[in-house]
């Protein structure tokens, strides 16, 4: 009640909003789109994050955001919260909630194995646009 004056919701990729200066100072950033791009959007948003800002990332394990956790390492205070995938109670997923550290270092490159996994996640996501993809495919 009364939150409309305190909250402004923007839908779309953060990178697109940031490119046109449409976000201003960010208190909370929700990442719930293409997990393989979370780290890129967050990197672009970092200059606009308010002190103490929170970043909420959904679907980090399934379908997956393999490059997010390496990107956050040493740069954010991170909490990984296990949950179940929406409408698939037997499938574990993770939500990540994090806050930037005051003296964060530059991001390190992700290991090649995680970059390959990220490409595989993208390939499955595109495959799901053309037809059914089973839970087994994601595992």
C-alpha atoms as a PDB file:
ATOM      1  CA  UNK A   1       0.000   0.000   0.000  1.00  0.00           C
ATOM      2  CA  UNK A   2       1.420   3.334  -1.042  1.00  0.00           C
ATOM      3  CA  UNK A   3       4.492   1.786  -2.669  1.00  0.00           C
ATOM      4  CA  UNK A   4       3.752   3.328  -6.071  1.00  0.00           C
ATOM      5  CA  UNK A   5       5.532   6.511  -5.036  1.00  0.00           C
ATOM      6  CA  UNK A   6       8.573   4.504  -3.880  1.00  0.00           C
ATOM      7  CA  UNK A   7       8.938   1.895  -6.637  1.00  0.00           C
ATOM      8  CA  UNK A   8       9.374   2.228 -10.361  1.00  0.00           C
ATOM      9  CA  UNK A   9       9.217  -1.025 -12.305  1.00  0.00           C
ATOM     10  CA  UNK A  10      10.963  -1.228 -15.674  1.00  0.00           C
ATOM     11  CA  UNK A  11      10.587  -4.321 -17.829  1.00  0.00           C
ATOM     12  CA  UNK A  12      13.094  -5.346 -20.456  1.00  0.00           C
ATOM     13  CA  UNK A  13      16.825  -6.017 -20.501  1.00  0.00           C
ATOM     14  CA  UNK A  14      18.760  -3.826 -18.125  1.00  0.00           C
ATOM     15  CA  UNK A  15      21.379  -3.319 -20.857  1.00  0.00           C
ATOM     16  CA  UNK A  16      18.761  -1.696 -23.087  1.00  0.00           C
ATOM     17  CA  UNK A  17      17.549   0.650 -20.334  1.00  0.00           C
ATOM     18  CA  UNK A  18      21.118   1.529 -19.351  1.00  0.00           C
ATOM     19  CA  UNK A  19      22.050   2.325 -22.952  1.00  0.00           C
ATOM     20  CA  UNK A  20      19.458   5.107 -23.005  1.00  0.00           C
ATOM     21  CA  UNK A  21      20.039   6.285 -19.430  1.00  0.00           C
ATOM     22  CA  UNK A  22      16.569   5.138 -18.439  1.00  0.00           C
ATOM     23  CA  UNK A  23      17.223   3.624 -15.018  1.00  0.00           C
ATOM     24  CA  UNK A  24      18.780   6.329 -12.852  1.00  0.00           C
ATOM     25  CA  UNK A  25      20.058   5.118  -9.474  1.00  0.00           C
ATOM     26  CA  UNK A  26      19.212   1.448  -8.882  1.00  0.00           C
ATOM     27  CA  UNK A  27      18.235   0.226  -5.400  1.00  0.00           C
ATOM     28  CA  UNK A  28      17.142  -3.247  -6.521  1.00  0.00           C
ATOM     29  CA  UNK A  29      17.919  -4.992  -9.781  1.00  0.00           C
ATOM     30  CA  UNK A  30      15.947  -8.123 -10.678  1.00  0.00           C
ATOM     31  CA  UNK A  31      17.557 -10.453 -13.205  1.00  0.00           C
ATOM     32  CA  UNK A  32      14.957 -12.872 -14.534  1.00  0.00           C
ATOM     33  CA  UNK A  33      15.461 -13.122 -18.269  1.00  0.00           C
ATOM     34  CA  UNK A  34      18.255 -14.885 -20.182  1.00  0.00           C
ATOM     35  CA  UNK A  35      20.525 -16.262 -17.456  1.00  0.00           C
ATOM     36  CA  UNK A  36      23.542 -16.527 -19.727  1.00  0.00           C
ATOM     37  CA  UNK A  37      23.472 -12.718 -19.963  1.00  0.00           C
ATOM     38  CA  UNK A  38      22.947 -11.842 -16.280  1.00  0.00           C
ATOM     39  CA  UNK A  39      26.630 -11.054 -15.734  1.00  0.00           C
ATOM     40  CA  UNK A  40      26.720  -8.730 -18.760  1.00  0.00           C
ATOM     41  CA  UNK A  41      23.647  -6.761 -17.688  1.00  0.00           C
ATOM     42  CA  UNK A  42      24.909  -6.541 -14.117  1.00  0.00           C
ATOM     43  CA  UNK A  43      28.303  -5.277 -15.294  1.00  0.00           C
ATOM     44  CA  UNK A  44      26.573  -2.510 -17.263  1.00  0.00           C
ATOM     45  CA  UNK A  45      24.339  -1.650 -14.287  1.00  0.00           C
ATOM     46  CA  UNK A  46      27.139  -1.472 -11.710  1.00  0.00           C
ATOM     47  CA  UNK A  47      27.877   2.266 -12.121  1.00  0.00           C
ATOM     48  CA  UNK A  48      24.186   2.971 -11.408  1.00  0.00           C
ATOM     49  CA  UNK A  49      23.829   0.722  -8.333  1.00  0.00           C
ATOM     50  CA  UNK A  50      23.020   2.706  -5.200  1.00  0.00           C
ATOM     51  CA  UNK A  51      25.059   2.121  -2.061  1.00  0.00           C
ATOM     52  CA  UNK A  52      23.640  -1.023  -0.456  1.00  0.00           C
ATOM     53  CA  UNK A  53      21.733  -1.991  -3.617  1.00  0.00           C
ATOM     54  CA  UNK A  54      20.428  -5.527  -3.862  1.00  0.00           C
ATOM     55  CA  UNK A  55      20.598  -7.722  -6.941  1.00  0.00           C
ATOM     56  CA  UNK A  56      18.108 -10.585  -7.203  1.00  0.00           C
ATOM     57  CA  UNK A  57      18.782 -13.274  -9.826  1.00  0.00           C
ATOM     58  CA  UNK A  58      16.273 -16.045 -10.490  1.00  0.00           C
ATOM     59  CA  UNK A  59      16.787 -19.344 -12.346  1.00  0.00           C
ATOM     60  CA  UNK A  60      20.519 -19.411 -11.642  1.00  0.00           C
ATOM     61  CA  UNK A  61      20.715 -23.224 -11.616  1.00  0.00           C
ATOM     62  CA  UNK A  62      17.887 -24.021 -14.077  1.00  0.00           C
ATOM     63  CA  UNK A  63      17.789 -23.153 -16.865  1.00  0.00           C
ATOM     64  CA  UNK A  64      21.008 -21.597 -15.691  1.00  0.00           C
ATOM     65  CA  UNK A  65      23.314 -18.614 -15.377  1.00  0.00           C
ATOM     66  CA  UNK A  66      26.701 -20.380 -15.428  1.00  0.00           C
ATOM     67  CA  UNK A  67      28.758 -17.187 -15.702  1.00  0.00           C
ATOM     68  CA  UNK A  68      27.041 -15.248 -12.902  1.00  0.00           C
ATOM     69  CA  UNK A  69      28.670 -16.764  -9.809  1.00  0.00           C
ATOM     70  CA  UNK A  70      32.233 -16.463 -11.161  1.00  0.00           C
ATOM     71  CA  UNK A  71      31.432 -12.832 -12.041  1.00  0.00           C
ATOM     72  CA  UNK A  72      30.248 -12.163  -8.465  1.00  0.00           C
ATOM     73  CA  UNK A  73      33.221 -13.865  -6.736  1.00  0.00           C
ATOM     74  CA  UNK A  74      35.182 -11.351  -4.661  1.00  0.00           C
ATOM     75  CA  UNK A  75      32.999  -8.498  -5.855  1.00  0.00           C
ATOM     76  CA  UNK A  76      29.669  -9.093  -4.101  1.00  0.00           C
ATOM     77  CA  UNK A  77      28.356 -10.429  -0.835  1.00  0.00           C
ATOM     78  CA  UNK A  78      26.386 -13.408  -2.121  1.00  0.00           C
ATOM     79  CA  UNK A  79      23.585 -15.585  -0.743  1.00  0.00           C
ATOM     80  CA  UNK A  80      22.538 -18.623  -2.795  1.00  0.00           C
ATOM     81  CA  UNK A  81      19.059 -19.771  -1.840  1.00  0.00           C
ATOM     82  CA  UNK A  82      17.880 -23.204  -2.982  1.00  0.00           C
ATOM     83  CA  UNK A  83      14.308 -23.381  -4.210  1.00  0.00           C
ATOM     84  CA  UNK A  84      12.301 -25.441  -6.684  1.00  0.00           C
ATOM     85  CA  UNK A  85      11.723 -24.550 -10.304  1.00  0.00           C
ATOM     86  CA  UNK A  86       8.350 -22.960 -11.055  1.00  0.00           C
ATOM     87  CA  UNK A  87       5.726 -25.681 -11.662  1.00  0.00           C
ATOM     88  CA  UNK A  88       8.406 -28.400 -11.348  1.00  0.00           C
ATOM     89  CA  UNK A  89       8.715 -29.198  -7.652  1.00  0.00           C
ATOM     90  CA  UNK A  90      11.189 -32.026  -8.266  1.00  0.00           C
ATOM     91  CA  UNK A  91      13.678 -29.727 -10.032  1.00  0.00           C
ATOM     92  CA  UNK A  92      16.035 -27.773  -7.771  1.00  0.00           C
ATOM     93  CA  UNK A  93      16.837 -24.194  -8.700  1.00  0.00           C
ATOM     94  CA  UNK A  94      18.752 -21.338  -7.074  1.00  0.00           C
ATOM     95  CA  UNK A  95      17.941 -17.729  -6.376  1.00  0.00           C
ATOM     96  CA  UNK A  96      20.938 -15.470  -5.803  1.00  0.00           C
ATOM     97  CA  UNK A  97      20.665 -12.305  -3.744  1.00  0.00           C
ATOM     98  CA  UNK A  98      23.775 -10.163  -3.600  1.00  0.00           C
ATOM     99  CA  UNK A  99      25.128  -6.767  -2.620  1.00  0.00           C
ATOM    100  CA  UNK A 100      28.198  -5.108  -4.133  1.00  0.00           C
ATOM    101  CA  UNK A 101      31.283  -4.920  -1.933  1.00  0.00           C
ATOM    102  CA  UNK A 102      32.699  -1.447  -1.284  1.00  0.00           C
ATOM    103  CA  UNK A 103      36.130  -2.281  -2.683  1.00  0.00           C
ATOM    104  CA  UNK A 104      35.305  -4.739  -5.429  1.00  0.00           C
ATOM    105  CA  UNK A 105      37.995  -6.015  -7.728  1.00  0.00           C
ATOM    106  CA  UNK A 106      37.674  -6.329 -11.498  1.00  0.00           C
ATOM    107  CA  UNK A 107      35.791  -9.404 -12.707  1.00  0.00           C
ATOM    108  CA  UNK A 108      37.912 -12.408 -13.581  1.00  0.00           C
ATOM    109  CA  UNK A 109      37.350 -14.322 -16.818  1.00  0.00           C
ATOM    110  CA  UNK A 110      35.088 -17.331 -16.406  1.00  0.00           C
ATOM    111  CA  UNK A 111      36.717 -20.756 -16.782  1.00  0.00           C
ATOM    112  CA  UNK A 112      36.391 -22.287 -20.278  1.00  0.00           C
ATOM    113  CA  UNK A 113      34.195 -25.122 -18.970  1.00  0.00           C
ATOM    114  CA  UNK A 114      31.623 -22.612 -17.693  1.00  0.00           C
ATOM    115  CA  UNK A 115      31.730 -20.689 -20.968  1.00  0.00           C
ATOM    116  CA  UNK A 116      30.970 -23.959 -22.815  1.00  0.00           C
ATOM    117  CA  UNK A 117      28.132 -24.694 -20.376  1.00  0.00           C
ATOM    118  CA  UNK A 118      26.756 -21.209 -20.988  1.00  0.00           C
ATOM    119  CA  UNK A 119      26.754 -21.852 -24.744  1.00  0.00           C
ATOM    120  CA  UNK A 120      24.924 -25.155 -24.162  1.00  0.00           C
ATOM    121  CA  UNK A 121      22.297 -23.420 -22.012  1.00  0.00           C
ATOM    122  CA  UNK A 122      21.767 -20.852 -24.774  1.00  0.00           C
ATOM    123  CA  UNK A 123      21.443 -23.613 -27.377  1.00  0.00           C
ATOM    124  CA  UNK A 124      18.771 -25.375 -25.293  1.00  0.00           C
ATOM    125  CA  UNK A 125      16.943 -22.085 -24.754  1.00  0.00           C
ATOM    126  CA  UNK A 126      16.833 -21.477 -28.510  1.00  0.00           C
ATOM    127  CA  UNK A 127      15.761 -25.089 -29.074  1.00  0.00           C
ATOM    128  CA  UNK A 128      12.862 -24.530 -26.669  1.00  0.00           C
ATOM    129  CA  UNK A 129      11.663 -21.699 -28.941  1.00  0.00           C
ATOM    130  CA  UNK A 130      11.199 -24.234 -31.759  1.00  0.00           C
ATOM    131  CA  UNK A 131       9.664 -27.085 -29.790  1.00  0.00           C
ATOM    132  CA  UNK A 132       9.500 -28.957 -26.500  1.00  0.00           C
ATOM    133  CA  UNK A 133      12.592 -29.409 -24.356  1.00  0.00           C
ATOM    134  CA  UNK A 134      12.411 -31.951 -21.552  1.00  0.00           C
ATOM    135  CA  UNK A 135      13.652 -31.525 -17.996  1.00  0.00           C
ATOM    136  CA  UNK A 136      16.164 -34.261 -18.756  1.00  0.00           C
ATOM    137  CA  UNK A 137      17.640 -32.035 -21.525  1.00  0.00           C
ATOM    138  CA  UNK A 138      18.371 -29.342 -18.913  1.00  0.00           C
ATOM    139  CA  UNK A 139      20.104 -31.761 -16.580  1.00  0.00           C
END
